[in-house]
C-alpha atoms as a PDB file:
ATOM      1  CA  UNK A   1       0.000   0.000   0.000  1.00  0.00           C
ATOM      2  CA  UNK A   2       1.491   3.363  -0.983  1.00  0.00           C
ATOM      3  CA  UNK A   3       2.539   5.681   1.809  1.00  0.00           C
ATOM      4  CA  UNK A   4       0.146   8.461   0.775  1.00  0.00           C
ATOM      5  CA  UNK A   5      -2.833   6.083   1.108  1.00  0.00           C
ATOM      6  CA  UNK A   6      -1.740   5.101   4.598  1.00  0.00           C
ATOM      7  CA  UNK A   7      -1.407   8.772   5.559  1.00  0.00           C
ATOM      8  CA  UNK A   8      -4.823   9.582   4.075  1.00  0.00           C
ATOM      9  CA  UNK A   9      -6.464   6.623   5.841  1.00  0.00           C
ATOM     10  CA  UNK A  10      -4.929   7.507   9.212  1.00  0.00           C
ATOM     11  CA  UNK A  11      -6.048  11.120   8.767  1.00  0.00           C
ATOM     12  CA  UNK A  12      -9.610   9.943   8.148  1.00  0.00           C
ATOM     13  CA  UNK A  13      -9.490   7.646  11.185  1.00  0.00           C
ATOM     14  CA  UNK A  14      -8.206  10.479  13.372  1.00  0.00           C
ATOM     15  CA  UNK A  15     -10.880  12.834  12.068  1.00  0.00           C
ATOM     16  CA  UNK A  16     -13.614  10.251  12.663  1.00  0.00           C
ATOM     17  CA  UNK A  17     -12.444   9.607  16.222  1.00  0.00           C
ATOM     18  CA  UNK A  18     -12.634  13.317  16.982  1.00  0.00           C
ATOM     19  CA  UNK A  19     -15.937  13.887  15.197  1.00  0.00           C
ATOM     20  CA  UNK A  20     -17.829  10.925  16.650  1.00  0.00           C
ATOM     21  CA  UNK A  21     -18.102  12.248  20.228  1.00  0.00           C
ATOM     22  CA  UNK A  22     -19.226  15.650  18.918  1.00  0.00           C
ATOM     23  CA  UNK A  23     -22.009  14.048  16.893  1.00  0.00           C
ATOM     24  CA  UNK A  24     -23.113  11.732  19.691  1.00  0.00           C
ATOM     25  CA  UNK A  25     -22.926  14.296  22.493  1.00  0.00           C
ATOM     26  CA  UNK A  26     -24.882  17.006  20.686  1.00  0.00           C
ATOM     27  CA  UNK A  27     -28.039  14.946  21.230  1.00  0.00           C
ATOM     28  CA  UNK A  28     -27.393  14.406  24.927  1.00  0.00           C
ATOM     29  CA  UNK A  29     -27.871  17.027  27.622  1.00  0.00           C
ATOM     30  CA  UNK A  30     -24.721  16.968  29.748  1.00  0.00           C
ATOM     31  CA  UNK A  31     -25.475  17.663  33.422  1.00  0.00           C
ATOM     32  CA  UNK A  32     -24.151  20.911  34.856  1.00  0.00           C
ATOM     33  CA  UNK A  33     -21.887  19.112  37.354  1.00  0.00           C
ATOM     34  CA  UNK A  34     -20.208  17.134  34.558  1.00  0.00           C
ATOM     35  CA  UNK A  35     -19.682  20.262  32.443  1.00  0.00           C
ATOM     36  CA  UNK A  36     -18.136  22.036  35.422  1.00  0.00           C
ATOM     37  CA  UNK A  37     -15.831  19.079  36.072  1.00  0.00           C
ATOM     38  CA  UNK A  38     -14.792  18.854  32.408  1.00  0.00           C
ATOM     39  CA  UNK A  39     -13.501  22.430  32.536  1.00  0.00           C
ATOM     40  CA  UNK A  40     -10.592  21.184  34.676  1.00  0.00           C
ATOM     41  CA  UNK A  41      -9.465  18.426  32.293  1.00  0.00           C
ATOM     42  CA  UNK A  42      -7.087  20.601  30.196  1.00  0.00           C
ATOM     43  CA  UNK A  43      -5.438  21.972  33.348  1.00  0.00           C
ATOM     44  CA  UNK A  44      -5.015  18.478  34.795  1.00  0.00           C
ATOM     45  CA  UNK A  45      -3.542  17.094  31.573  1.00  0.00           C
ATOM     46  CA  UNK A  46      -1.166  20.024  31.130  1.00  0.00           C
ATOM     47  CA  UNK A  47      -0.039  19.728  34.753  1.00  0.00           C
ATOM     48  CA  UNK A  48       0.594  16.009  34.330  1.00  0.00           C
ATOM     49  CA  UNK A  49       2.850  16.760  31.363  1.00  0.00           C
ATOM     50  CA  UNK A  50       4.727  19.774  32.757  1.00  0.00           C
ATOM     51  CA  UNK A  51       5.323  19.083  36.462  1.00  0.00           C
ATOM     52  CA  UNK A  52       7.368  15.872  36.101  1.00  0.00           C
ATOM     53  CA  UNK A  53       9.676  17.626  33.623  1.00  0.00           C
ATOM     54  CA  UNK A  54      10.094  20.657  35.883  1.00  0.00           C
ATOM     55  CA  UNK A  55      10.438  18.852  39.208  1.00  0.00           C
ATOM     56  CA  UNK A  56      12.338  15.764  37.998  1.00  0.00           C
ATOM     57  CA  UNK A  57      14.624  16.877  35.160  1.00  0.00           C
ATOM     58  CA  UNK A  58      17.042  13.964  35.629  1.00  0.00           C
ATOM     59  CA  UNK A  59      14.538  11.388  36.859  1.00  0.00           C
ATOM     60  CA  UNK A  60      14.841  12.299  40.542  1.00  0.00           C
ATOM     61  CA  UNK A  61      13.128  15.046  42.517  1.00  0.00           C
ATOM     62  CA  UNK A  62      15.243  18.228  42.322  1.00  0.00           C
ATOM     63  CA  UNK A  63      13.984  21.263  44.249  1.00  0.00           C
ATOM     64  CA  UNK A  64      17.381  22.969  44.404  1.00  0.00           C
ATOM     65  CA  UNK A  65      18.408  26.330  42.963  1.00  0.00           C
ATOM     66  CA  UNK A  66      20.537  24.357  40.489  1.00  0.00           C
ATOM     67  CA  UNK A  67      17.392  23.153  38.706  1.00  0.00           C
ATOM     68  CA  UNK A  68      17.144  25.526  35.729  1.00  0.00           C
ATOM     69  CA  UNK A  69      13.737  24.162  34.730  1.00  0.00           C
ATOM     70  CA  UNK A  70      12.289  24.858  38.161  1.00  0.00           C
ATOM     71  CA  UNK A  71      13.597  28.427  38.209  1.00  0.00           C
ATOM     72  CA  UNK A  72      12.434  29.150  34.653  1.00  0.00           C
ATOM     73  CA  UNK A  73       9.055  27.560  35.389  1.00  0.00           C
ATOM     74  CA  UNK A  74       8.648  29.712  38.484  1.00  0.00           C
ATOM     75  CA  UNK A  75       9.444  32.837  36.497  1.00  0.00           C
ATOM     76  CA  UNK A  76       7.009  31.775  33.761  1.00  0.00           C
ATOM     77  CA  UNK A  77       4.294  31.210  36.391  1.00  0.00           C
ATOM     78  CA  UNK A  78       4.886  34.706  37.766  1.00  0.00           C
ATOM     79  CA  UNK A  79       4.656  36.241  34.273  1.00  0.00           C
ATOM     80  CA  UNK A  80       1.478  34.251  33.526  1.00  0.00           C
ATOM     81  CA  UNK A  81      -0.114  35.341  36.782  1.00  0.00           C
ATOM     82  CA  UNK A  82       0.745  39.025  36.326  1.00  0.00           C
ATOM     83  CA  UNK A  83       0.115  39.432  32.578  1.00  0.00           C
ATOM     84  CA  UNK A  84      -2.328  36.653  31.576  1.00  0.00           C
ATOM     85  CA  UNK A  85      -0.438  36.642  28.237  1.00  0.00           C
ATOM     86  CA  UNK A  86       0.316  33.148  26.934  1.00  0.00           C
ATOM     87  CA  UNK A  87       2.884  34.146  24.302  1.00  0.00           C
ATOM     88  CA  UNK A  88       4.793  36.378  26.714  1.00  0.00           C
ATOM     89  CA  UNK A  89       4.757  33.600  29.314  1.00  0.00           C
ATOM     90  CA  UNK A  90       6.209  31.101  26.833  1.00  0.00           C
ATOM     91  CA  UNK A  91       8.816  33.569  25.585  1.00  0.00           C
ATOM     92  CA  UNK A  92       9.969  34.543  29.082  1.00  0.00           C
ATOM     93  CA  UNK A  93       9.975  30.926  30.286  1.00  0.00           C
ATOM     94  CA  UNK A  94      11.969  29.620  27.332  1.00  0.00           C
ATOM     95  CA  UNK A  95      14.377  32.570  27.383  1.00  0.00           C
ATOM     96  CA  UNK A  96      14.964  32.099  31.108  1.00  0.00           C
ATOM     97  CA  UNK A  97      15.488  28.362  30.635  1.00  0.00           C
ATOM     98  CA  UNK A  98      18.078  28.863  27.902  1.00  0.00           C
ATOM     99  CA  UNK A  99      19.946  31.499  29.905  1.00  0.00           C
ATOM    100  CA  UNK A 100      19.871  29.452  33.114  1.00  0.00           C
ATOM    101  CA  UNK A 101      21.036  26.301  31.314  1.00  0.00           C
ATOM    102  CA  UNK A 102      23.962  28.249  29.903  1.00  0.00           C
ATOM    103  CA  UNK A 103      24.853  29.646  33.328  1.00  0.00           C
ATOM    104  CA  UNK A 104      24.235  26.589  35.528  1.00  0.00           C
END
């Protein structure tokens, strides 16, 4: 089977898997409690991805000032809290990480 057919087929499968819940759930009234709980899913998933990388950069818990990721993450959190600007938060966090990795 040619590669482009495999890519096309997998794209259709991915699209169908994302579209199916939308089609099925538009006919169902989701209770208010469930909708409120679902608002926290992106935050929980993002936290599960980010915190292990920040707190355990070498596979072991590192809360020292020598942990560049922890320091850069703290600075990024401060910028996010003060500005509410996603792009500025990413730029400051990445810039701080690169500088701290060069220094430490």
